[in-house]
Amino acid sequence: MKYWKRQYKITFPSIGYVFSNINNRNGLKIEFDIDKDLTKETNKTVLKIYNLSYKTRKALEVPDITCEIYAGYENTTGVVKLFVGNVIQTKTTNSGNDVVTEFRLTDGGVAIRDCEISISFPPNTPGVKVIEAISGNMGLAVVYGKDVVINTFNNGYSFIGNGSAALDEVCGANGLKWSVQNGVLQIILEEGISQNRGIVFGKDSGLIGSPERILKSNPKPDKETPKRKRKRKEKKDRAEKQAGYKIKTLLAPSVLPGDAVKIESEIITGWFRVEAVKHNGDSMGSDWTSEFDLIERLTYANG
């Protein structure tokens, strides 16, 4: 069987601690509950590790320490990066015969929280140069989605304040949205996708059950932009709705919000953008699954 022999690796790179079951089938029991989406709110994780020694627990009580979670299956890709974040809270409790240490993680939270920038650029500065200055100040690498274009700042650009506010300003003016995924700044078109696509979910490739149809209206007022003003004046502006599917699969750690994936099932076949991801894992229990909110983007197959 391809999807067998669950594997995980948990690392705290700054202090050299690694916990894994790759070479030890009886490794420590771990559980994770991971939520990711395309909003600028940081992705979050609850990670539990069972029966750490007292010495190890104390060593891990470091404010904002970085933690990396890898998981997968031995007979497919092995362990793949599932989440990278900073520990914002640690607690240890007794649960029956077990001692359970719980870590609450946030992806990019420290970079967003602590980055105050002061930048200034002359006229005709390329937009990419401004983005890279902001991301560099935040300590984040940056990746761009398909067809992303950032306009030149003909009159120059200057900003003083939090780096996330600068991203809001620059991305908003260019029809883009930003998020932090596994410690990397991702910038895509508002209705676009990342550069990653090709994963197919079907009955023989991880899909569990049948896709569930979803239709969501935008619960918040649409953002005011010059384009939207023009459309409203021309009476072409409509309330935003998102149609798509919710699916459950065997653990798919490589898929990120913004990626394009394909469903092949009895009720639907097509390409979709990943809006949100939820990974649940228990190395010694029943959970080792992913759930995706997918939004229809019919142009993917041809783009």
Protein backbone atom coordinates (compact mmCIF):
# COMPACT_ATOMS: atom_id res chain seq x y z
CA MET A 1 0.00 0.00 0.00
CA LYS A 2 1.27 3.47 -0.89
CA TYR A 3 -0.47 5.28 1.95
CA TRP A 4 0.84 3.31 4.85
CA LYS A 5 3.52 3.64 7.49
CA ARG A 6 2.95 7.17 8.72
CA GLN A 7 6.08 9.18 9.30
CA TYR A 8 6.75 12.41 11.13
CA LYS A 9 9.64 14.62 12.15
CA ILE A 10 9.43 17.55 14.58
CA THR A 11 12.42 19.88 14.77
CA PHE A 12 13.38 22.85 16.91
CA PRO A 13 16.34 23.92 14.75
CA SER A 14 17.72 26.72 16.93
CA ILE A 15 18.48 24.29 19.76
CA GLY A 16 19.01 21.13 17.71
CA TYR A 17 16.13 19.05 19.06
CA VAL A 18 14.56 16.50 16.70
CA PHE A 19 11.71 14.06 17.41
CA SER A 20 10.90 11.47 14.76
CA ASN A 21 9.52 8.01 14.11
CA ILE A 22 11.30 7.56 10.78
CA ASN A 23 13.88 5.11 12.10
CA ASN A 24 11.94 4.19 15.20
CA ARG A 25 8.44 2.85 14.70
CA ASN A 26 7.86 3.31 18.41
CA GLY A 27 8.71 7.02 18.45
CA LEU A 28 6.92 9.42 20.74
CA LYS A 29 3.22 9.84 20.13
CA ILE A 30 2.41 13.18 18.50
CA GLU A 31 -0.79 14.92 17.47
CA PHE A 32 -1.30 18.02 15.33
CA ASP A 33 -4.22 20.23 14.37
CA ILE A 34 -3.18 22.66 11.62
CA ASP A 35 -5.23 25.44 10.03
CA LYS A 36 -4.07 27.37 6.96
CA ASP A 37 -5.83 29.80 4.65
CA LEU A 38 -5.24 32.70 2.26
CA THR A 39 -5.97 35.51 4.69
CA LYS A 40 -3.29 37.73 6.14
CA GLU A 41 -4.19 36.35 9.58
CA THR A 42 -1.39 34.00 10.55
CA ASN A 43 -1.87 30.26 10.10
CA LYS A 44 -2.02 28.40 13.38
CA THR A 45 -1.24 24.98 14.79
CA VAL A 46 -1.70 23.02 17.98
CA LEU A 47 1.02 20.39 18.35
CA LYS A 48 1.06 17.82 21.15
CA ILE A 49 4.04 15.66 22.03
CA TYR A 50 3.61 12.90 24.59
CA ASN A 51 5.94 11.95 27.42
CA LEU A 52 8.87 14.29 26.90
CA SER A 53 11.37 14.23 29.73
CA TYR A 54 11.36 17.06 32.23
CA LYS A 55 14.77 18.21 30.96
CA THR A 56 13.53 18.34 27.37
CA ARG A 57 10.35 20.19 28.29
CA LYS A 58 12.36 22.87 30.08
CA ALA A 59 14.77 23.18 27.15
CA LEU A 60 11.84 23.86 24.80
CA GLU A 61 10.42 26.65 26.95
CA VAL A 62 12.00 29.39 24.83
CA PRO A 63 9.90 32.42 23.83
CA ASP A 64 9.11 32.49 20.08
CA ILE A 65 11.23 29.41 19.37
CA THR A 66 10.85 28.09 15.81
CA CYS A 67 9.27 24.68 15.30
CA GLU A 68 9.07 22.72 12.04
CA ILE A 69 6.59 19.90 11.47
CA TYR A 70 7.16 17.32 8.72
CA ALA A 71 4.83 14.42 7.97
CA GLY A 72 3.87 11.94 5.28
CA TYR A 73 4.01 8.29 4.31
CA GLU A 74 7.10 6.08 4.00
CA ASN A 75 6.13 4.62 0.62
CA THR A 76 5.26 7.87 -1.16
CA THR A 77 7.23 11.08 -0.63
CA GLY A 78 8.40 10.44 2.91
CA VAL A 79 8.13 13.36 5.31
CA VAL A 80 7.20 16.72 3.74
CA LYS A 81 7.20 20.12 5.39
CA LEU A 82 3.73 20.55 6.88
CA PHE A 83 4.09 23.65 9.04
CA VAL A 84 6.72 26.13 10.20
CA GLY A 85 5.97 28.54 13.00
CA ASN A 86 6.93 30.19 16.26
CA VAL A 87 5.80 28.80 19.60
CA ILE A 88 3.58 31.38 21.28
CA GLN A 89 2.39 29.20 24.16
CA THR A 90 3.52 25.99 25.83
CA LYS A 91 1.76 24.00 28.53
CA THR A 92 2.18 20.54 30.02
CA THR A 93 -0.62 18.49 31.58
CA ASN A 94 -1.04 14.99 32.96
CA SER A 95 -3.52 12.83 31.06
CA GLY A 96 -3.89 9.43 32.67
CA ASN A 97 -0.49 7.77 32.47
CA ASP A 98 0.78 10.30 29.93
CA VAL A 99 2.44 13.69 30.21
CA VAL A 100 1.24 15.83 27.30
CA THR A 101 3.14 18.94 26.20
CA GLU A 102 1.09 21.24 23.98
CA PHE A 103 2.66 23.85 21.71
CA ARG A 104 0.62 26.58 20.06
CA LEU A 105 2.33 27.83 16.91
CA THR A 106 1.81 30.74 14.56
CA ASP A 107 3.22 30.96 11.02
CA GLY A 108 5.03 34.26 10.47
CA GLY A 109 3.56 35.73 13.63
CA VAL A 110 6.83 37.05 14.98
CA ALA A 111 7.81 38.57 11.62
CA ILE A 112 4.47 40.36 11.38
CA ARG A 113 4.38 41.39 15.03
CA ASP A 114 7.90 42.73 15.34
CA CYS A 115 8.64 44.29 11.96
CA GLU A 116 8.59 48.08 11.96
CA ILE A 117 10.08 49.49 8.78
CA SER A 118 11.15 52.82 7.33
CA ILE A 119 11.74 52.70 3.58
CA SER A 120 11.97 55.26 0.82
CA PHE A 121 12.44 54.81 -2.94
CA PRO A 122 12.94 57.31 -5.78
CA PRO A 123 10.61 57.71 -8.80
CA ASN A 124 10.36 54.82 -11.27
CA THR A 125 11.21 52.16 -8.71
CA PRO A 126 10.01 48.68 -9.80
CA GLY A 127 7.23 47.37 -7.58
CA VAL A 128 9.05 44.07 -7.04
CA LYS A 129 11.96 45.97 -5.50
CA VAL A 130 9.59 47.53 -2.95
CA ILE A 131 8.02 44.17 -2.09
CA GLU A 132 11.43 42.58 -1.63
CA ALA A 133 12.52 45.41 0.64
CA ILE A 134 9.45 44.89 2.81
CA SER A 135 9.83 41.10 2.91
CA GLY A 136 13.56 41.45 3.60
CA ASN A 137 12.86 43.67 6.60
CA MET A 138 10.37 41.07 7.83
CA GLY A 139 12.95 38.29 7.42
CA LEU A 140 10.75 36.41 4.95
CA ALA A 141 11.56 34.99 1.53
CA VAL A 142 8.91 35.86 -1.06
CA VAL A 143 7.28 33.83 -3.82
CA TYR A 144 4.89 35.12 -6.48
CA GLY A 145 1.85 33.41 -7.89
CA LYS A 146 0.91 32.90 -11.51
CA ASP A 147 0.65 36.10 -13.59
CA VAL A 148 1.50 38.45 -10.71
CA VAL A 149 2.53 41.91 -11.92
CA ILE A 150 3.47 44.76 -9.58
CA ASN A 151 3.34 48.21 -11.10
CA THR A 152 6.32 50.58 -11.11
CA PHE A 153 6.14 53.40 -8.57
CA ASN A 154 6.41 56.31 -10.99
CA ASN A 155 6.37 58.87 -8.17
CA GLY A 156 8.51 56.85 -5.79
CA TYR A 157 7.38 55.16 -2.61
CA SER A 158 7.95 55.68 1.10
CA PHE A 159 6.51 54.05 4.19
CA ILE A 160 7.01 54.11 7.96
CA GLY A 161 5.20 51.58 10.11
CA ASN A 162 4.49 47.87 10.44
CA GLY A 163 5.62 45.73 7.53
CA SER A 164 2.23 44.05 7.22
CA ALA A 165 0.56 47.44 6.69
CA ALA A 166 3.02 48.18 3.88
CA LEU A 167 2.13 44.86 2.27
CA ASP A 168 -1.56 45.74 2.56
CA GLU A 169 -0.92 49.04 0.81
CA VAL A 170 1.23 47.75 -2.04
CA CYS A 171 -0.73 44.56 -2.67
CA GLY A 172 -4.10 46.32 -2.43
CA ALA A 173 -3.05 48.83 -5.09
CA ASN A 174 -2.08 46.01 -7.46
CA GLY A 175 -5.03 43.64 -7.05
CA LEU A 176 -2.97 41.16 -5.03
CA LYS A 177 -3.33 39.31 -1.75
CA TRP A 178 -0.58 38.19 0.59
CA SER A 179 -0.23 35.50 3.22
CA VAL A 180 2.55 33.67 5.00
CA GLN A 181 2.81 29.96 4.18
CA ASN A 182 5.43 27.87 6.02
CA GLY A 183 7.52 30.93 6.80
CA VAL A 184 7.45 32.27 3.22
CA LEU A 185 5.61 35.37 2.03
CA GLN A 186 3.22 34.31 -0.75
CA ILE A 187 1.74 36.93 -3.09
CA ILE A 188 -0.94 35.95 -5.59
CA LEU A 189 -3.63 37.67 -7.64
CA GLU A 190 -6.87 38.30 -5.75
CA GLU A 191 -8.55 35.61 -7.84
CA GLY A 192 -5.36 33.82 -8.83
CA ILE A 193 -3.28 30.83 -7.89
CA SER A 194 0.25 30.04 -6.81
CA GLN A 195 2.78 28.46 -9.13
CA ASN A 196 2.03 25.04 -7.63
CA ARG A 197 -0.45 22.75 -9.35
CA GLY A 198 -0.67 19.19 -10.48
CA ILE A 199 -1.94 17.33 -7.39
CA VAL A 200 -4.93 15.15 -8.33
CA PHE A 201 -7.34 13.76 -5.74
CA GLY A 202 -9.37 10.73 -6.80
CA LYS A 203 -10.47 7.41 -5.37
CA ASP A 204 -7.02 5.94 -6.04
CA SER A 205 -5.07 9.04 -5.03
CA GLY A 206 -6.16 9.91 -1.52
CA LEU A 207 -9.75 11.18 -1.83
CA ILE A 208 -11.94 10.04 1.06
CA GLY A 209 -15.68 9.91 0.41
CA SER A 210 -17.41 12.30 -1.97
CA PRO A 211 -16.84 16.06 -2.42
CA GLU A 212 -19.37 18.27 -0.64
CA ARG A 213 -20.75 21.22 -2.60
CA ILE A 214 -20.28 24.64 -0.94
CA LEU A 215 -21.48 28.11 -1.86
CA LYS A 216 -20.39 31.10 0.19
CA SER A 217 -21.24 34.77 -0.13
CA ASN A 218 -18.77 37.39 1.03
CA PRO A 219 -19.70 38.21 4.66
CA LYS A 220 -17.72 41.48 4.63
CA PRO A 221 -18.13 44.61 2.53
CA ASP A 222 -16.21 44.42 -0.73
CA LYS A 223 -12.98 46.40 -0.65
CA GLU A 224 -13.32 49.80 -2.31
CA THR A 225 -11.03 50.11 -5.29
CA PRO A 226 -11.00 52.32 -8.40
CA LYS A 227 -11.94 49.25 -10.47
CA ARG A 228 -14.91 48.51 -8.22
CA LYS A 229 -16.06 52.15 -8.35
CA ARG A 230 -15.99 52.00 -12.13
CA LYS A 231 -17.91 48.75 -12.26
CA ARG A 232 -20.53 50.06 -9.86
CA LYS A 233 -20.96 53.16 -11.98
CA GLU A 234 -21.42 50.94 -15.02
CA LYS A 235 -23.79 48.75 -12.98
CA LYS A 236 -21.59 45.73 -13.52
CA ASP A 237 -20.49 45.19 -9.94
CA ARG A 238 -22.02 42.17 -8.22
CA ALA A 239 -21.77 40.72 -4.72
CA GLU A 240 -18.92 38.27 -4.50
CA LYS A 241 -19.78 34.60 -4.17
CA GLN A 242 -17.55 31.57 -3.97
CA ALA A 243 -18.69 28.21 -5.31
CA GLY A 244 -16.72 25.05 -4.86
CA TYR A 245 -16.32 21.89 -2.83
CA LYS A 246 -15.08 20.64 0.51
CA ILE A 247 -13.08 17.43 0.31
CA LYS A 248 -11.34 15.13 2.75
CA THR A 249 -8.19 13.25 1.77
CA LEU A 250 -5.41 11.18 3.21
CA LEU A 251 -2.76 13.52 4.59
CA ALA A 252 -1.50 15.77 1.78
CA PRO A 253 1.23 17.86 3.42
CA SER A 254 2.60 19.51 0.26
CA VAL A 255 -0.62 21.35 -0.67
CA LEU A 256 -0.83 25.01 0.39
CA PRO A 257 -3.59 27.61 0.20
CA GLY A 258 -3.47 29.22 -3.23
CA ASP A 259 -2.41 26.02 -5.00
CA ALA A 260 -4.46 24.58 -7.85
CA VAL A 261 -5.60 20.98 -7.40
CA LYS A 262 -7.77 18.67 -9.46
CA ILE A 263 -10.69 16.54 -8.29
CA GLU A 264 -11.53 13.37 -10.16
CA SER A 265 -14.68 11.83 -8.71
CA GLU A 266 -18.02 10.44 -9.82
CA ILE A 267 -19.77 13.77 -9.18
CA ILE A 268 -17.16 16.30 -10.32
CA THR A 269 -13.95 16.51 -12.32
CA GLY A 270 -12.10 19.81 -12.57
CA TRP A 271 -9.50 22.25 -11.30
CA PHE A 272 -9.95 24.32 -8.14
CA ARG A 273 -8.06 26.83 -6.02
CA VAL A 274 -7.31 25.80 -2.44
CA GLU A 275 -8.82 28.43 -0.15
CA ALA A 276 -8.21 26.74 3.19
CA VAL A 277 -6.53 23.62 4.54
CA LYS A 278 -6.95 21.71 7.77
CA HIS A 279 -4.52 18.90 8.63
CA ASN A 280 -5.22 16.51 11.51
CA GLY A 281 -2.75 13.91 12.65
CA ASP A 282 -2.29 11.36 15.41
CA SER A 283 0.75 9.16 14.95
CA MET A 284 -0.82 6.35 16.97
CA GLY A 285 -4.50 7.02 16.30
CA SER A 286 -6.96 7.17 13.41
CA ASP A 287 -6.31 10.73 12.18
CA TRP A 288 -3.80 11.33 9.38
CA THR A 289 -5.95 13.39 7.04
CA SER A 290 -6.40 16.72 5.27
CA GLU A 291 -9.54 18.73 4.57
CA PHE A 292 -9.68 21.35 1.82
CA ASP A 293 -12.03 24.16 0.93
CA LEU A 294 -11.81 24.44 -2.85
CA ILE A 295 -13.13 27.27 -5.01
CA GLU A 296 -13.98 26.87 -8.67
CA ARG A 297 -11.49 28.34 -11.12
CA LEU A 298 -12.35 26.80 -14.48
CA THR A 299 -9.45 28.40 -16.36
CA TYR A 300 -6.77 26.40 -14.54
CA ALA A 301 -6.73 23.54 -16.98
CA ASN A 302 -5.93 25.88 -19.84
CA GLY A 303 -3.76 28.40 -17.99
